[in-house]
Amino acid sequence: MGYTFSQENTRPPQNNENKKQYHYRLVAMKMAFIVEKSGLSSEEEAVFWPIYKTYQDTINSLIVTMRRSYNPQRYVQADEAALVLQQLMYNERKIFEERQRVYRQLINQLSPQKIIHIINAEKMFDKQMIKKYRENNRNRGSRGNKSNYKYRFFHYRY
């Protein structure tokens, strides 16, 4: 079973009504991709997905917090910038700690080889989605040949 990342599946919706459907479709694609590439059995899936969902929810909330607090045009004064930098470092540490917690939890449930396969599958999925996103942007001509993602200082792909 192969996965194609077609323009239809990866293009973000233009209106707010379809954003949830788009999100759920991407999550389902990611789940299927991880299961296929890592070779998870149904018993392993039953153990893995609740842990992974909790991990993703925590990471996503931390990333949203980080993005909201970071606005390069707003922080001109040193004390404000220092406070934002402290918040960013705190959230980065929390993300790292959450990742370690999940690895410790998974290592008690799955083999280390399976965990590595899952990590690699997730990274592969993210790379393919970013590649497709860039191709879609080039095809539409909205940003030319440069993708804003590549040139940002802070890009979070956890």
Protein backbone atom coordinates (compact mmCIF):
# COMPACT_ATOMS: atom_id res chain seq x y z
CA MET A 1 0.00 0.00 0.00
CA GLY A 2 1.65 3.22 -1.11
CA TYR A 3 0.87 6.76 -0.13
CA THR A 4 0.64 9.56 -2.59
CA PHE A 5 0.58 13.06 -1.33
CA SER A 6 -1.68 14.55 -3.93
CA GLN A 7 -2.48 18.21 -4.20
CA GLU A 8 -6.07 17.45 -3.23
CA ASN A 9 -5.05 15.86 0.08
CA THR A 10 -2.46 18.40 1.15
CA ARG A 11 -3.88 21.76 0.14
CA PRO A 12 -5.14 23.71 3.17
CA PRO A 13 -8.80 24.69 3.06
CA GLN A 14 -9.69 28.23 2.07
CA ASN A 15 -12.52 28.65 4.58
CA ASN A 16 -12.79 27.92 8.27
CA GLU A 17 -15.54 25.33 7.87
CA ASN A 18 -13.26 22.75 6.31
CA LYS A 19 -10.25 23.23 8.59
CA LYS A 20 -11.31 20.51 11.01
CA GLN A 21 -11.97 18.07 8.20
CA TYR A 22 -8.58 18.90 6.69
CA HIS A 23 -6.89 18.41 10.07
CA TYR A 24 -8.60 15.06 10.65
CA ARG A 25 -7.70 13.91 7.14
CA LEU A 26 -4.03 14.78 7.73
CA VAL A 27 -4.04 13.00 11.10
CA ALA A 28 -5.58 9.91 9.51
CA MET A 29 -2.99 9.98 6.72
CA LYS A 30 -0.20 10.31 9.26
CA MET A 31 -1.55 7.47 11.38
CA ALA A 32 -1.85 5.15 8.40
CA PHE A 33 1.62 6.13 7.17
CA ILE A 34 3.23 5.49 10.58
CA VAL A 35 1.47 2.13 10.96
CA GLU A 36 2.52 0.99 7.50
CA LYS A 37 6.13 2.17 7.66
CA SER A 38 6.79 1.01 11.22
CA GLY A 39 4.89 -2.28 10.92
CA LEU A 40 2.86 -1.86 14.09
CA SER A 41 0.56 -4.72 14.97
CA SER A 42 -2.96 -4.02 16.23
CA GLU A 43 -1.84 -4.77 19.82
CA GLU A 44 1.08 -2.36 19.48
CA GLU A 45 -1.21 0.26 17.96
CA ALA A 46 -3.55 -0.02 20.95
CA VAL A 47 -0.60 0.81 23.22
CA PHE A 48 1.07 3.41 21.01
CA TRP A 49 -1.72 5.74 19.85
CA PRO A 50 -3.02 6.92 23.27
CA ILE A 51 0.55 7.75 24.33
CA TYR A 52 1.27 9.47 21.02
CA LYS A 53 -1.96 11.49 21.09
CA THR A 54 -1.19 12.83 24.55
CA TYR A 55 2.33 13.66 23.40
CA GLN A 56 1.09 15.47 20.28
CA ASP A 57 -1.48 17.48 22.24
CA THR A 58 1.16 18.62 24.73
CA ILE A 59 3.71 19.47 22.04
CA ASN A 60 1.17 21.33 19.93
CA SER A 61 0.02 23.45 22.87
CA LEU A 62 3.63 24.34 23.69
CA ILE A 63 4.35 25.25 20.07
CA VAL A 64 1.23 27.43 19.88
CA THR A 65 2.38 29.21 23.05
CA MET A 66 5.82 29.73 21.57
CA ARG A 67 4.47 31.14 18.32
CA ARG A 68 2.13 33.50 20.12
CA SER A 69 4.86 34.87 22.34
CA TYR A 70 7.37 35.39 19.53
CA ASN A 71 6.78 38.46 17.35
CA PRO A 72 10.03 39.95 16.00
CA GLN A 73 8.51 43.36 15.19
CA ARG A 74 7.11 43.86 18.67
CA TYR A 75 10.16 43.46 20.89
CA VAL A 76 12.38 46.48 20.58
CA GLN A 77 13.40 46.86 24.20
CA ALA A 78 15.99 44.54 25.69
CA ASP A 79 13.99 43.62 28.81
CA GLU A 80 10.98 42.53 26.74
CA ALA A 81 13.18 40.54 24.39
CA ALA A 82 14.93 38.86 27.33
CA LEU A 83 11.58 37.82 28.80
CA VAL A 84 10.41 36.34 25.49
CA LEU A 85 13.71 34.50 25.08
CA GLN A 86 13.31 33.01 28.57
CA GLN A 87 9.80 31.85 27.67
CA LEU A 88 11.04 30.29 24.44
CA MET A 89 13.84 28.46 26.25
CA TYR A 90 11.41 27.23 28.91
CA ASN A 91 9.04 25.87 26.26
CA GLU A 92 11.90 24.26 24.32
CA ARG A 93 12.99 22.51 27.53
CA LYS A 94 9.41 21.37 28.17
CA ILE A 95 9.23 19.92 24.65
CA PHE A 96 12.50 18.06 25.20
CA GLU A 97 11.29 16.73 28.57
CA GLU A 98 7.97 15.63 27.05
CA ARG A 99 9.79 13.76 24.29
CA GLN A 100 11.97 11.99 26.87
CA ARG A 101 8.92 11.08 28.94
CA VAL A 102 7.21 9.55 25.90
CA TYR A 103 10.31 7.57 24.94
CA ARG A 104 10.55 6.17 28.47
CA GLN A 105 6.87 5.27 28.37
CA LEU A 106 7.13 3.61 24.97
CA ILE A 107 10.28 1.65 25.78
CA ASN A 108 8.31 -0.17 28.48
CA GLN A 109 5.64 -1.12 25.93
CA LEU A 110 7.41 -1.54 22.56
CA SER A 111 10.79 -2.72 21.37
CA PRO A 112 13.48 -0.07 20.78
CA GLN A 113 13.54 -1.06 17.11
CA LYS A 114 9.81 -0.33 16.78
CA ILE A 115 10.25 3.04 18.45
CA ILE A 116 13.04 3.96 16.02
CA HIS A 117 10.84 2.84 13.10
CA ILE A 118 8.01 5.03 14.40
CA ILE A 119 10.31 8.05 14.78
CA ASN A 120 11.67 7.55 11.26
CA ALA A 121 8.18 7.10 9.80
CA GLU A 122 6.98 10.30 11.44
CA LYS A 123 9.97 12.24 10.10
CA MET A 124 9.47 10.76 6.64
CA PHE A 125 5.80 11.75 6.65
CA ASP A 126 6.65 15.31 7.71
CA LYS A 127 9.30 15.62 4.99
CA GLN A 128 6.92 14.38 2.32
CA MET A 129 4.18 16.76 3.46
CA ILE A 130 6.56 19.73 3.46
CA LYS A 131 7.84 18.76 0.01
CA LYS A 132 4.30 18.53 -1.32
CA TYR A 133 3.38 21.85 0.32
CA ARG A 134 6.34 23.54 -1.37
CA GLU A 135 5.43 22.00 -4.72
CA ASN A 136 1.85 23.21 -4.37
CA ASN A 137 3.05 26.72 -3.59
CA ARG A 138 5.36 26.72 -6.60
CA ASN A 139 2.58 25.49 -8.84
CA ARG A 140 0.28 28.25 -7.67
CA GLY A 141 3.04 30.84 -8.09
CA SER A 142 2.13 32.60 -4.85
CA ARG A 143 5.64 32.60 -3.44
CA GLY A 144 7.82 31.90 -6.42
CA ASN A 145 10.53 29.32 -5.83
CA LYS A 146 11.16 30.19 -2.20
CA SER A 147 9.21 28.66 0.62
CA ASN A 148 8.94 30.82 3.69
CA TYR A 149 9.32 27.73 5.88
CA LYS A 150 12.90 27.13 4.79
CA TYR A 151 14.09 30.62 5.69
CA ARG A 152 12.51 31.11 9.09
CA PHE A 153 14.75 31.07 12.14
CA PHE A 154 12.17 29.30 14.28
CA HIS A 155 10.55 26.37 12.57
CA TYR A 156 9.04 23.71 14.74
CA ARG A 157 8.62 20.20 13.41
CA TYR A 158 8.27 18.05 16.48
